[in-house]
Protein backbone atom coordinates (compact mmCIF):
# COMPACT_ATOMS: atom_id res chain seq x y z
CA MET A 1 6.80 58.01 -27.52
CA THR A 2 6.38 60.08 -30.66
CA SER A 3 3.03 58.54 -31.53
CA LYS A 4 0.02 60.84 -31.30
CA GLU A 5 -2.31 58.16 -29.96
CA LEU A 6 -0.82 56.44 -26.98
CA ALA A 7 -2.82 53.83 -25.10
CA GLY A 8 -2.39 51.84 -21.96
CA ARG A 9 1.01 51.64 -20.38
CA LEU A 10 2.75 53.96 -22.88
CA HIS A 11 0.23 56.69 -22.14
CA ARG A 12 0.86 56.41 -18.39
CA TRP A 13 4.61 56.52 -18.95
CA ALA A 14 4.29 59.66 -21.06
CA LEU A 15 2.31 61.41 -18.32
CA GLN A 16 4.91 60.52 -15.72
CA LEU A 17 7.87 61.62 -17.88
CA GLN A 18 6.38 65.04 -18.63
CA GLU A 19 7.62 66.23 -15.24
CA TYR A 20 11.26 65.76 -16.28
CA ASP A 21 13.53 67.48 -18.83
CA PHE A 22 15.61 64.80 -20.57
CA GLU A 23 16.96 63.81 -23.96
CA VAL A 24 16.73 60.27 -25.36
CA VAL A 25 19.95 59.18 -27.11
CA TYR A 26 20.39 55.79 -28.77
CA ARG A 27 23.73 54.02 -28.33
CA PRO A 28 24.42 50.73 -30.13
CA GLY A 29 25.35 47.74 -28.04
CA SER A 30 28.80 47.34 -29.63
CA SER A 31 29.87 50.74 -28.28
CA ASN A 32 28.19 50.30 -24.87
CA VAL A 33 30.97 48.30 -23.21
CA VAL A 34 31.48 50.47 -20.16
CA ALA A 35 30.50 48.67 -16.95
CA ASP A 36 27.78 50.30 -14.92
CA ALA A 37 25.49 49.45 -12.03
CA LEU A 38 23.29 47.28 -14.25
CA SER A 39 26.12 45.18 -15.63
CA ARG A 40 26.39 41.59 -14.41
CA ALA A 41 29.34 40.41 -12.40
CA PRO A 42 31.33 37.61 -14.01
CA ALA A 43 30.09 34.17 -13.03
CA ARG A 44 32.42 32.16 -10.84
CA VAL A 45 33.43 28.83 -12.31
CA VAL A 46 33.08 26.09 -9.74
CA SER A 47 35.03 22.91 -10.18
CA ALA A 48 33.11 19.73 -10.82
CA ALA A 49 34.38 18.17 -7.61
CA ASN A 50 32.86 20.97 -5.56
CA GLN A 51 29.71 21.34 -7.62
CA VAL A 52 28.29 17.83 -7.95
CA THR A 53 26.47 16.86 -4.78
CA GLU A 54 23.87 14.28 -4.08
CA THR A 55 20.73 14.97 -2.11
CA ARG A 56 19.60 12.15 0.14
CA PRO A 57 15.91 11.32 0.73
CA ASP A 58 16.18 12.62 4.28
CA GLY A 59 17.26 16.07 3.09
CA GLY A 60 21.01 15.74 3.71
CA ARG A 61 23.77 15.50 1.15
CA ALA A 62 26.01 12.65 0.27
CA GLY A 63 29.34 13.05 1.98
CA GLU A 64 27.84 14.39 5.19
CA GLY A 65 28.16 12.03 8.11
CA SER A 66 30.10 8.83 8.56
CA ASP A 67 28.50 7.04 5.60
CA GLY A 68 28.89 9.74 2.99
CA GLN A 69 32.05 9.04 0.95
CA LEU A 70 33.44 5.67 -0.09
CA THR A 71 37.12 6.65 -0.11
CA ASP A 72 40.04 4.29 0.48
CA GLN A 73 40.76 5.89 3.84
CA ALA A 74 37.15 5.49 4.97
CA ILE A 75 37.03 1.87 3.79
CA LYS A 76 40.32 1.01 5.53
CA ALA A 77 39.19 2.61 8.78
CA GLU A 78 35.81 0.88 8.78
CA GLN A 79 37.25 -2.50 7.76
CA ALA A 80 39.65 -2.38 10.70
CA GLN A 81 36.73 -1.89 13.10
CA ASP A 82 34.15 -4.17 11.46
CA ARG A 83 33.77 -7.61 13.06
CA THR A 84 32.35 -9.16 9.89
CA VAL A 85 35.37 -8.16 7.81
CA GLN A 86 37.82 -9.28 10.49
CA ASN A 87 36.12 -12.67 10.77
CA LEU A 88 36.35 -13.06 7.00
CA VAL A 89 40.05 -12.16 7.04
CA ARG A 90 40.71 -14.62 9.87
CA LYS A 91 38.82 -17.35 8.06
CA GLY A 92 40.57 -16.64 4.75
CA LYS A 93 37.69 -17.65 2.50
CA TYR A 94 33.94 -17.44 2.11
CA GLY A 95 31.79 -19.62 -0.11
CA GLY A 96 34.81 -21.18 -1.79
CA ARG A 97 36.35 -17.78 -2.64
CA LYS A 98 39.54 -16.40 -1.12
CA ILE A 99 39.74 -13.32 1.09
CA VAL A 100 42.96 -11.36 0.53
CA VAL A 101 44.40 -8.07 1.78
CA GLU A 102 46.01 -5.72 -0.72
CA ASP A 103 47.24 -2.24 0.19
CA GLU A 104 45.57 -2.64 3.60
CA VAL A 105 42.17 -3.11 1.89
CA VAL A 106 40.32 -6.43 2.16
CA HIS A 107 39.20 -7.95 -1.16
CA ILE A 108 37.39 -11.09 -2.23
CA VAL A 109 38.78 -13.01 -5.22
CA GLU A 110 36.16 -14.26 -7.67
CA ASN A 111 36.43 -17.48 -9.65
CA ASP A 112 37.55 -15.57 -12.74
CA GLY A 113 40.36 -13.87 -10.82
CA SER A 114 38.70 -10.46 -10.46
CA LYS A 115 38.72 -8.72 -7.09
CA ARG A 116 36.09 -6.68 -5.28
CA VAL A 117 36.32 -4.67 -2.10
CA VAL A 118 34.73 -6.31 0.95
CA LEU A 119 32.57 -3.44 2.16
CA PRO A 120 32.13 -3.09 5.95
CA THR A 121 28.66 -2.95 7.44
CA ALA A 122 28.80 0.78 8.20
CA LEU A 123 29.25 1.62 4.50
CA TRP A 124 26.53 -0.60 3.01
CA ALA A 125 23.98 2.22 3.09
CA ALA A 126 26.41 4.63 1.42
CA ALA A 127 27.06 2.19 -1.42
CA LEU A 128 23.36 1.59 -1.96
CA ARG A 129 22.57 5.30 -1.77
CA GLU A 130 25.28 6.01 -4.32
CA ASN A 131 24.18 3.29 -6.75
CA HIS A 132 20.41 3.64 -6.34
CA ASP A 133 19.35 7.02 -4.93
CA SER A 134 21.81 9.27 -6.76
CA ILE A 135 20.96 11.29 -9.86
CA TYR A 136 23.06 9.04 -12.10
CA ALA A 137 21.41 5.85 -10.78
CA CYS A 138 17.81 7.19 -10.87
CA HIS A 139 16.17 4.60 -8.60
CA LEU A 140 16.31 1.62 -10.94
CA ARG A 141 15.07 -1.86 -10.03
CA THR A 142 16.89 -4.58 -8.09
CA PRO A 143 18.78 -6.26 -10.99
CA GLN A 144 20.18 -3.00 -12.31
CA THR A 145 21.12 -1.70 -8.85
CA TYR A 146 22.76 -4.97 -7.85
CA ALA A 147 24.81 -5.06 -11.04
CA ARG A 148 25.97 -1.49 -10.42
CA VAL A 149 26.99 -2.19 -6.80
CA ALA A 150 28.63 -5.52 -7.66
CA ARG A 151 31.08 -3.85 -10.01
CA SER A 152 33.26 -2.67 -7.15
CA TYR A 153 31.93 -3.94 -3.83
CA TRP A 154 30.92 -7.16 -2.15
CA TRP A 155 29.46 -8.31 1.12
CA PRO A 156 27.58 -11.50 2.10
CA ASP A 157 23.98 -11.77 0.81
CA MET A 158 24.35 -8.49 -1.07
CA ARG A 159 21.54 -9.25 -3.54
CA ALA A 160 18.97 -9.81 -0.78
CA HIS A 161 20.00 -6.61 0.98
CA VAL A 162 19.77 -4.61 -2.26
CA ARG A 163 16.25 -5.92 -2.77
CA LYS A 164 15.19 -4.95 0.76
CA TRP A 165 16.76 -1.49 0.39
CA ILE A 166 14.76 -0.83 -2.77
CA GLN A 167 11.58 -2.15 -1.15
CA ALA A 168 12.07 0.38 1.65
CA CYS A 169 12.91 3.31 -0.67
CA ARG A 170 10.28 6.01 -0.16
CA ASP A 171 10.65 7.53 -3.63
CA CYS A 172 10.31 4.14 -5.32
CA GLY A 173 7.42 3.15 -3.09
CA THR A 174 5.34 6.29 -3.64
CA ARG A 175 5.84 6.10 -7.40
CA LYS A 176 6.37 2.49 -8.48
CA ALA A 177 4.27 0.46 -6.04
CA LYS A 178 1.73 -1.77 -7.74
CA ALA A 179 -1.68 -2.39 -6.22
CA LYS A 180 -2.47 -6.09 -5.94
CA GLU A 181 -6.06 -7.02 -6.64
CA VAL A 182 -7.75 -8.28 -3.49
CA ILE A 183 -11.28 -9.70 -3.66
CA PRO A 184 -12.33 -10.58 -0.10
CA PRO A 185 -15.31 -12.88 0.49
CA LEU A 186 -18.78 -11.37 0.44
CA ARG A 187 -20.23 -10.83 3.90
CA SER A 188 -23.94 -10.53 4.62
CA GLN A 189 -25.28 -7.75 6.83
CA GLY A 190 -28.35 -7.68 9.01
CA VAL A 191 -31.09 -5.44 7.61
CA GLY A 192 -33.28 -5.04 10.70
CA SER A 193 -36.81 -3.67 10.51
CA PRO A 194 -38.17 -1.15 7.98
CA GLY A 195 -36.62 2.26 8.55
CA ASP A 196 -33.81 0.99 10.81
CA ARG A 197 -30.98 1.30 8.33
CA TRP A 198 -30.63 3.66 5.36
CA SER A 199 -27.88 4.03 2.79
CA LEU A 200 -27.31 7.52 1.35
CA GLY A 201 -25.26 8.65 -1.63
CA VAL A 202 -24.82 11.47 -4.14
CA ALA A 203 -24.84 11.08 -7.93
CA GLY A 204 -23.45 13.71 -10.27
CA PRO A 205 -22.53 16.11 -11.66
CA LEU A 206 -25.19 15.75 -14.34
CA PRO A 207 -26.21 18.16 -17.13
CA VAL A 208 -27.56 21.39 -15.65
CA THR A 209 -31.35 21.53 -15.88
CA ALA A 210 -33.59 24.55 -16.32
CA GLY A 211 -34.01 24.65 -12.55
CA GLY A 212 -30.25 24.62 -12.00
CA ASN A 213 -30.11 21.06 -10.64
CA ARG A 214 -26.92 19.04 -11.19
CA TYR A 215 -26.88 16.39 -8.45
CA VAL A 216 -29.20 13.72 -7.07
CA VAL A 217 -29.21 12.75 -3.39
CA ALA A 218 -30.71 9.27 -2.96
CA ALA A 219 -31.40 7.05 0.05
CA VAL A 220 -32.37 3.35 0.12
CA ASP A 221 -33.83 1.39 3.05
CA TYR A 222 -32.05 -1.93 3.64
CA ALA A 223 -35.08 -3.92 4.83
CA THR A 224 -37.63 -2.89 2.19
CA ARG A 225 -35.44 -1.44 -0.61
CA TYR A 226 -37.67 1.67 -0.50
CA THR A 227 -35.97 4.64 -2.17
CA VAL A 228 -36.12 8.41 -1.84
CA ALA A 229 -34.35 10.68 -4.36
CA VAL A 230 -34.29 14.47 -4.76
CA ALA A 231 -32.46 16.70 -7.28
CA PHE A 232 -30.23 19.50 -5.92
CA PRO A 233 -28.19 22.30 -7.50
CA ARG A 234 -25.36 21.56 -5.05
CA HIS A 235 -24.48 18.83 -2.59
CA THR A 236 -23.21 20.77 0.39
CA ALA A 237 -23.44 19.57 3.97
CA GLN A 238 -26.48 21.81 4.51
CA ASP A 239 -28.25 20.25 1.52
CA ILE A 240 -27.53 16.74 2.81
CA ALA A 241 -28.76 17.64 6.30
CA ARG A 242 -31.97 19.15 4.90
CA PHE A 243 -32.59 16.00 2.85
CA ILE A 244 -32.10 13.74 5.87
CA VAL A 245 -34.47 15.77 8.04
CA GLU A 246 -37.23 16.57 5.55
CA LYS A 247 -37.30 13.41 3.43
CA LEU A 248 -36.28 10.69 5.89
CA VAL A 249 -36.63 11.59 9.57
CA LEU A 250 -39.89 13.59 9.32
CA VAL A 251 -41.48 10.91 7.10
CA PHE A 252 -40.18 7.55 8.37
CA GLY A 253 -38.80 8.53 11.77
CA PRO A 254 -35.20 8.53 13.03
CA MET A 255 -33.10 5.64 11.80
CA ARG A 256 -30.78 3.47 13.86
CA GLU A 257 -27.93 3.46 11.33
CA LEU A 258 -27.08 5.72 8.41
CA VAL A 259 -24.50 4.47 5.90
CA LEU A 260 -22.83 7.43 4.17
CA ASP A 261 -20.13 7.86 1.57
CA GLY A 262 -16.72 9.10 2.67
CA ALA A 263 -17.15 12.42 0.84
CA PRO A 264 -16.36 15.56 2.88
CA GLU A 265 -19.92 16.88 2.74
CA LEU A 266 -21.22 13.57 4.11
CA SER A 267 -18.68 13.16 6.89
CA GLY A 268 -18.44 16.77 8.10
CA LYS A 269 -19.46 18.38 11.34
CA VAL A 270 -22.97 19.29 10.18
CA VAL A 271 -24.02 15.73 9.39
CA ALA A 272 -22.22 14.42 12.49
CA ALA A 273 -24.11 16.88 14.71
CA LEU A 274 -27.38 15.90 13.02
CA THR A 275 -26.85 12.18 13.59
CA ASP A 276 -25.95 12.84 17.22
CA LEU A 277 -29.17 14.81 17.62
CA PHE A 278 -31.29 11.90 16.35
CA GLN A 279 -29.22 9.23 18.19
CA THR A 280 -28.25 7.70 14.85
CA LYS A 281 -25.09 5.68 14.31
CA GLN A 282 -23.17 7.03 11.33
CA ILE A 283 -21.24 4.47 9.24
CA SER A 284 -18.79 5.77 6.63
CA PRO A 285 -17.05 3.18 4.43
CA VAL A 286 -13.61 3.88 3.00
CA PRO A 287 -13.20 6.04 -0.14
CA TYR A 288 -12.89 4.54 -3.62
CA ARG A 289 -14.97 1.50 -2.63
CA PRO A 290 -18.47 2.04 -4.08
CA ALA A 291 -19.24 -1.65 -3.56
CA LEU A 292 -19.69 -0.95 0.16
CA LEU A 293 -22.66 1.27 -0.80
CA GLY A 294 -24.08 -1.29 -3.19
CA LEU A 295 -27.78 -0.51 -2.65
CA VAL A 296 -27.67 3.18 -3.45
CA GLU A 297 -25.11 2.71 -6.23
CA ARG A 298 -27.32 0.10 -7.89
CA PHE A 299 -30.35 2.39 -7.58
CA ASN A 300 -28.41 5.24 -9.21
CA ARG A 301 -27.73 2.99 -12.16
CA SER A 302 -31.42 2.00 -12.37
CA TRP A 303 -32.89 5.51 -12.31
CA LYS A 304 -30.35 6.74 -14.85
CA ASP A 305 -31.43 3.97 -17.22
CA MET A 306 -35.08 4.92 -16.70
CA VAL A 307 -34.63 8.67 -17.09
CA SER A 308 -32.38 8.36 -20.15
CA ILE A 309 -35.34 6.99 -22.12
CA TYR A 310 -37.47 10.12 -21.66
CA VAL A 311 -35.04 13.04 -21.50
CA ALA A 312 -34.84 15.57 -24.30
CA GLU A 313 -31.95 15.63 -26.73
CA ALA A 314 -30.25 18.39 -24.73
CA GLN A 315 -30.57 16.25 -21.55
CA ASN A 316 -31.50 19.32 -19.52
CA ASP A 317 -34.85 18.06 -18.21
CA TRP A 318 -33.84 14.89 -16.38
CA ASP A 319 -35.08 16.30 -13.03
CA ARG A 320 -38.65 16.27 -14.41
CA TRP A 321 -38.51 12.50 -14.91
CA LEU A 322 -36.67 11.64 -11.69
CA PRO A 323 -39.87 11.41 -9.50
CA CYS A 324 -41.43 9.12 -12.10
CA ALA A 325 -38.41 6.83 -11.97
CA VAL A 326 -38.59 6.70 -8.16
CA TYR A 327 -42.33 5.88 -8.31
CA ALA A 328 -41.73 3.09 -10.82
CA TYR A 329 -38.89 1.66 -8.75
CA ASN A 330 -40.88 1.62 -5.49
CA GLY A 331 -43.91 0.09 -7.21
CA ALA A 332 -42.07 -2.72 -9.00
CA ARG A 333 -41.38 -6.17 -7.58
CA HIS A 334 -37.85 -6.34 -6.21
CA SER A 335 -35.80 -9.38 -7.11
CA ALA A 336 -34.26 -9.70 -3.63
CA THR A 337 -37.42 -9.57 -1.50
CA GLY A 338 -40.10 -10.76 -3.92
CA PHE A 339 -42.29 -7.76 -3.00
CA SER A 340 -42.43 -4.16 -4.11
CA PRO A 341 -40.62 -1.68 -1.81
CA ASN A 342 -43.82 0.31 -1.29
CA GLU A 343 -45.72 -2.82 -0.23
CA LEU A 344 -43.16 -3.60 2.46
CA MET A 345 -42.82 0.01 3.66
CA MET A 346 -46.41 1.32 3.30
CA GLY A 347 -48.41 -1.90 3.41
CA ARG A 348 -49.98 -1.66 -0.04
CA ARG A 349 -49.06 -1.89 -3.67
CA LEU A 350 -48.96 1.17 -5.89
CA ARG A 351 -51.67 1.21 -8.52
CA THR A 352 -51.57 2.44 -12.09
CA PRO A 353 -54.30 4.53 -13.80
CA ASN A 354 -55.29 1.53 -15.90
CA GLU A 355 -56.27 -0.42 -12.77
CA LEU A 356 -58.70 2.36 -11.80
CA LEU A 357 -60.34 2.25 -15.22
CA ARG A 358 -61.13 -1.44 -14.82
CA THR A 359 -62.54 -1.07 -11.27
CA ALA A 360 -66.35 -0.77 -11.20
CA GLY A 361 -66.69 0.91 -7.82
CA VAL A 362 -64.94 1.80 -4.61
CA THR A 363 -63.17 -1.08 -2.89
CA GLN A 364 -65.02 -2.20 0.23
CA VAL A 365 -62.69 -2.64 3.20
CA GLY A 366 -65.22 -2.86 6.00
CA GLU A 367 -64.72 -1.27 9.40
CA PHE A 368 -61.53 0.59 10.20
CA ALA A 369 -60.53 -1.80 12.98
CA GLU A 370 -60.89 -4.77 10.65
CA TYR A 371 -58.90 -2.95 7.99
CA HIS A 372 -56.13 -2.23 10.51
CA ARG A 373 -55.96 -5.86 11.66
CA LYS A 374 -55.90 -7.06 8.09
CA LEU A 375 -53.21 -4.56 7.14
CA ALA A 376 -51.03 -5.43 10.14
CA ARG A 377 -51.40 -9.16 9.49
CA GLN A 378 -50.59 -8.71 5.83
CA MET A 379 -47.51 -6.57 6.55
CA ALA A 380 -46.24 -9.09 9.10
CA GLN A 381 -46.61 -11.92 6.60
CA CYS A 382 -44.87 -9.88 3.94
CA ALA A 383 -42.02 -9.02 6.31
CA VAL A 384 -41.42 -12.68 7.18
CA ALA A 385 -41.53 -13.71 3.53
CA ALA A 386 -39.22 -10.83 2.57
CA LYS A 387 -36.63 -11.79 5.21
CA THR A 388 -36.66 -15.38 3.98
CA ALA A 389 -36.25 -14.22 0.40
CA LEU A 390 -33.45 -11.82 1.39
CA ALA A 391 -31.54 -14.58 3.18
CA LYS A 392 -31.87 -16.85 0.16
CA ASP A 393 -30.80 -14.06 -2.18
CA GLN A 394 -27.77 -13.26 -0.02
CA LEU A 395 -26.63 -16.90 -0.11
CA HIS A 396 -27.02 -16.97 -3.88
CA ARG A 397 -25.07 -13.75 -4.39
CA GLU A 398 -22.39 -14.81 -1.90
CA LYS A 399 -21.87 -18.10 -3.75
CA TYR A 400 -21.63 -16.29 -7.08
CA TYR A 401 -19.33 -13.52 -5.80
CA ASN A 402 -16.97 -15.77 -3.84
CA ARG A 403 -15.99 -17.61 -7.00
CA ARG A 404 -13.76 -14.59 -7.73
CA GLU A 405 -12.35 -14.47 -4.20
CA ARG A 406 -8.66 -13.68 -4.21
CA HIS A 407 -6.36 -12.90 -1.31
CA THR A 408 -2.80 -11.88 -2.12
CA THR A 409 -1.48 -10.22 1.04
CA GLU A 410 -2.37 -10.65 4.70
CA PHE A 411 -1.86 -7.59 6.87
CA GLY A 412 -1.79 -7.20 10.64
CA VAL A 413 -1.48 -4.58 13.33
CA GLY A 414 2.05 -3.17 13.40
CA ASP A 415 2.80 -3.73 9.71
CA LEU A 416 4.38 -0.96 7.64
CA VAL A 417 2.56 -0.26 4.35
CA TRP A 418 2.27 2.12 1.40
CA VAL A 419 -1.18 3.67 0.89
CA LEU A 420 -2.66 4.25 -2.56
CA ARG A 421 -3.95 7.83 -2.58
CA PRO A 422 -3.98 9.32 -6.09
CA PRO A 423 -3.77 13.14 -6.10
CA ARG A 424 -6.79 15.10 -7.27
CA GLY A 425 -7.32 18.61 -8.58
CA ARG A 426 -5.78 20.95 -11.09
CA GLY A 427 -2.16 20.71 -12.05
CA ILE A 428 -1.99 16.94 -11.54
CA THR A 429 0.12 15.31 -14.24
CA LYS A 430 1.29 11.81 -15.07
CA LEU A 431 4.50 12.52 -13.15
CA SER A 432 2.66 12.69 -9.81
CA HIS A 433 3.23 10.02 -7.18
CA GLN A 434 0.17 7.84 -6.52
CA TRP A 435 1.22 6.39 -3.14
CA VAL A 436 1.84 8.01 0.24
CA GLY A 437 3.55 6.82 3.37
CA PRO A 438 4.96 4.76 4.78
CA ALA A 439 2.10 4.25 7.21
CA LEU A 440 1.73 2.04 10.28
CA ILE A 441 -1.32 -0.20 10.72
CA THR A 442 -2.77 0.47 14.18
CA GLU A 443 -6.23 -1.14 14.17
CA ASP A 444 -8.52 -3.49 12.27
CA ALA A 445 -11.46 -1.36 11.07
CA GLY A 446 -13.55 -4.32 9.87
CA PHE A 447 -14.69 -5.42 6.42
CA ASP A 448 -11.05 -5.80 5.27
CA ASN A 449 -10.34 -2.17 6.18
CA TRP A 450 -7.43 -1.00 8.31
CA LEU A 451 -6.78 2.11 10.35
CA VAL A 452 -3.32 3.43 9.46
CA VAL A 453 -1.23 6.38 10.62
CA ARG A 454 1.12 8.09 8.16
CA GLU A 455 4.61 8.42 9.59
CA ASP A 456 5.42 11.54 7.57
CA THR A 457 2.34 13.61 8.49
CA GLY A 458 0.66 11.73 11.36
CA GLU A 459 -2.63 11.62 9.44
CA HIS A 460 -5.11 8.86 10.37
CA LEU A 461 -6.72 7.01 7.44
CA VAL A 462 -9.14 4.10 7.07
CA VAL A 463 -7.99 2.17 3.99
CA HIS A 464 -9.22 -0.98 2.26
CA CYS A 465 -6.70 -3.79 1.91
CA SER A 466 -6.81 -3.38 -1.89
CA PHE A 467 -5.02 -0.04 -1.52
CA LEU A 468 -2.18 -1.26 0.70
CA VAL A 469 1.25 -2.62 -0.24
CA THR A 470 3.82 -3.90 2.24
CA SER A 471 6.74 -1.59 3.04
CA ARG A 472 9.98 -2.21 4.94
CA ARG A 473 12.52 -0.29 6.97
CA PRO A 474 16.05 -0.28 5.49
CA SER A 475 17.80 0.17 8.83
CA ASP A 476 16.13 -2.90 10.32
CA SER A 477 17.01 -5.11 7.38
CA LEU A 478 20.63 -3.88 7.44
CA GLY A 479 21.01 -4.77 11.10
CA HIS A 480 19.37 -8.18 10.70
CA VAL A 481 21.65 -9.08 7.79
CA ALA A 482 24.78 -8.06 9.69
CA GLU A 483 23.79 -10.05 12.79
CA ARG A 484 22.95 -13.13 10.74
CA ILE A 485 26.28 -13.00 8.89
CA LEU A 486 28.17 -12.75 12.18
CA ARG A 487 26.30 -15.76 13.53
CA GLU A 488 27.08 -17.77 10.40
CA LEU A 489 30.77 -16.87 10.57
CA GLY A 490 30.87 -17.79 14.26
CA GLU A 491 29.22 -21.13 13.58
CA ASP A 492 31.72 -21.83 10.81
CA GLU A 493 34.62 -21.09 13.16
CA ASN A 494 33.16 -23.38 15.83
CA GLU A 495 32.71 -26.11 13.26
CA SER A 496 36.30 -25.70 12.04
CA ASP A 497 37.61 -25.79 15.64
CA GLY A 498 35.59 -28.91 16.34
CA THR A 499 36.86 -30.52 13.15
CA ASP A 500 40.49 -29.78 14.07
CA GLN A 501 40.01 -31.26 17.53
CA ALA A 502 38.42 -34.38 16.08
CA ARG A 503 41.30 -34.77 13.65
CA CYS A 504 43.81 -34.49 16.50
CA ARG A 505 41.98 -37.17 18.47
CA GLN A 506 41.94 -39.45 15.43
CA ARG A 507 45.69 -39.02 14.88
CA ALA A 508 46.41 -39.74 18.55
CA THR A 509 44.28 -42.87 18.41
CA ARG A 510 46.08 -44.10 15.34
CA ARG A 511 49.47 -43.49 16.98
CA SER A 512 48.43 -45.33 20.11
CA CYS A 513 47.08 -48.17 18.04
CA ARG A 514 50.33 -48.39 16.11
CA SER A 515 52.41 -48.40 19.30
CA GLY A 516 50.20 -51.02 20.91
CA SER A 517 50.39 -53.32 17.90
CA GLY A 518 54.23 -53.09 18.02
CA VAL A 519 54.36 -54.32 21.63
CA LEU A 520 52.02 -57.15 20.79
CA SER A 521 54.16 -58.18 17.81
CA VAL A 522 57.36 -58.35 19.97
CA ALA A 523 55.62 -60.48 22.59
CA LYS A 524 54.26 -62.72 19.91
CA ARG A 525 57.72 -63.22 18.38
CA ARG A 526 59.19 -64.11 21.79
CA THR A 527 56.42 -66.61 22.42
CA ASP A 528 56.87 -68.19 19.01
CA ARG A 529 60.66 -68.55 19.56
CA LEU A 530 60.16 -70.18 22.98
CA GLY A 531 57.65 -72.63 21.56
CA ARG A 532 59.99 -73.56 18.70
CA ASP A 533 62.89 -74.29 21.10
CA GLN A 534 60.69 -76.55 23.22
CA ARG A 535 59.56 -78.55 20.21
CA GLN A 536 63.14 -79.05 19.02
CA GLN A 537 64.19 -80.34 22.49
CA ARG A 538 61.37 -82.91 22.60
CA HIS A 539 62.32 -84.08 19.13
CA ARG A 540 65.95 -84.81 20.18
CA ILE A 541 64.84 -86.75 23.27
CA GLY A 542 62.52 -88.91 21.20
CA HIS A 543 65.35 -90.08 18.87
CA GLY A 544 67.84 -90.98 21.68
CA ARG A 545 70.28 -88.29 21.02
CA PRO A 546 72.45 -87.24 23.94
CA GLU A 547 72.17 -83.82 25.33
């Protein structure tokens, strides 16, 4: 404040303080121990038991609700009401291991003599949440989570249930899900007549030219492979609409179908209103699948190769050479049709200046009517030959492509899936989650695409099967496991009851057999004695002995 040249904030402070009469006194911090309004209140020390809490994925905290804390009292109360635990206690063993009760808590005795608590069904979720979702478990994989749970607890088929719980974990799914490569078979599409179906796409951003252009909007006709490309400074919806009207509709007429990319400027209200005006069907493939726009994507690669040969070192004049690349592409023989795109669309081949130098005079075509008939006949012949060549080319490419066909997962309506949707924009780091969901499949959108609805936001998405991974619901799997275990225990009891009854019948049969054999033996002895007496009497009579 004593400086003669104050600038900025200090100067403004000096002007404000001139209105007051005050004296600035410095006091060292060691002597400034008197509490005032600016002093901080002492921090309250909270015990660890009250401070450590666990946040659940649904926004609640561990310990809230019936499945929050795994205390002895909670385990005893739930074990007394759980049918699975009571069936195990009544049976006394499971899988060759004993079930014992110690301190009113049911345990299972392992082969090595160690004991684990038999956890009732109502507390399975709490144990898994504690050993997987908590901050000291950190959402590890199935082997680590199972080992952590198995230290203290046990229930039938625990490993399978742990695996299903982790598969249904939203945090693990949105971060750790792995996309499985799916290569569906190649499917051919009908091309129709010239001008019926166009494919449109945007390439860029490219180096800014002298005219301010950065993007290229290109369109390719499916039947003739004829291309139209124009450079633009931007690629807004208005620019796309102007390109469609001026370069396509007013030159070749309204098209039946227009295949557009899923970009916002191509699928907005402006383009939709324009296609409705011209009675054109708009087809928008799913994002991140450039193969569904193969024609325009392949043309973008071709014109970039052409232009890169002639651009300056600064690469700021590529828009000057773009029309030349389009002319060369339309005038060259296409490998799929066997004809040049201009010949199929316009009815004649594009000439080069060298051809004019070798021509002696003007080409004689005769009368206009004869020229028209000849042109129509020639275009019809070219169209038939081009369709035959296209069909042959499609079969060849399908055979080559389908060698890499690979299906890993089959989806259907009603399935629960994770959706791969990497975040875009500033501030995105490697810690961002790449998957969203879970989402429910509601409709088959064709071409291996599915219409899904996100359960968290209700957003409708059309997604290719390559960007879907199966998800599960933890509550459903928990209920199914509990019901199956109860059925198995009931079947075991029925089998044991049937075995006991059979054993009783066998013992009764043996007793009856033994008693019957005793009666037979007595009768046999009596018969033998009577027969022996009769033989002795006949023997005495035969020798003349008196009675």
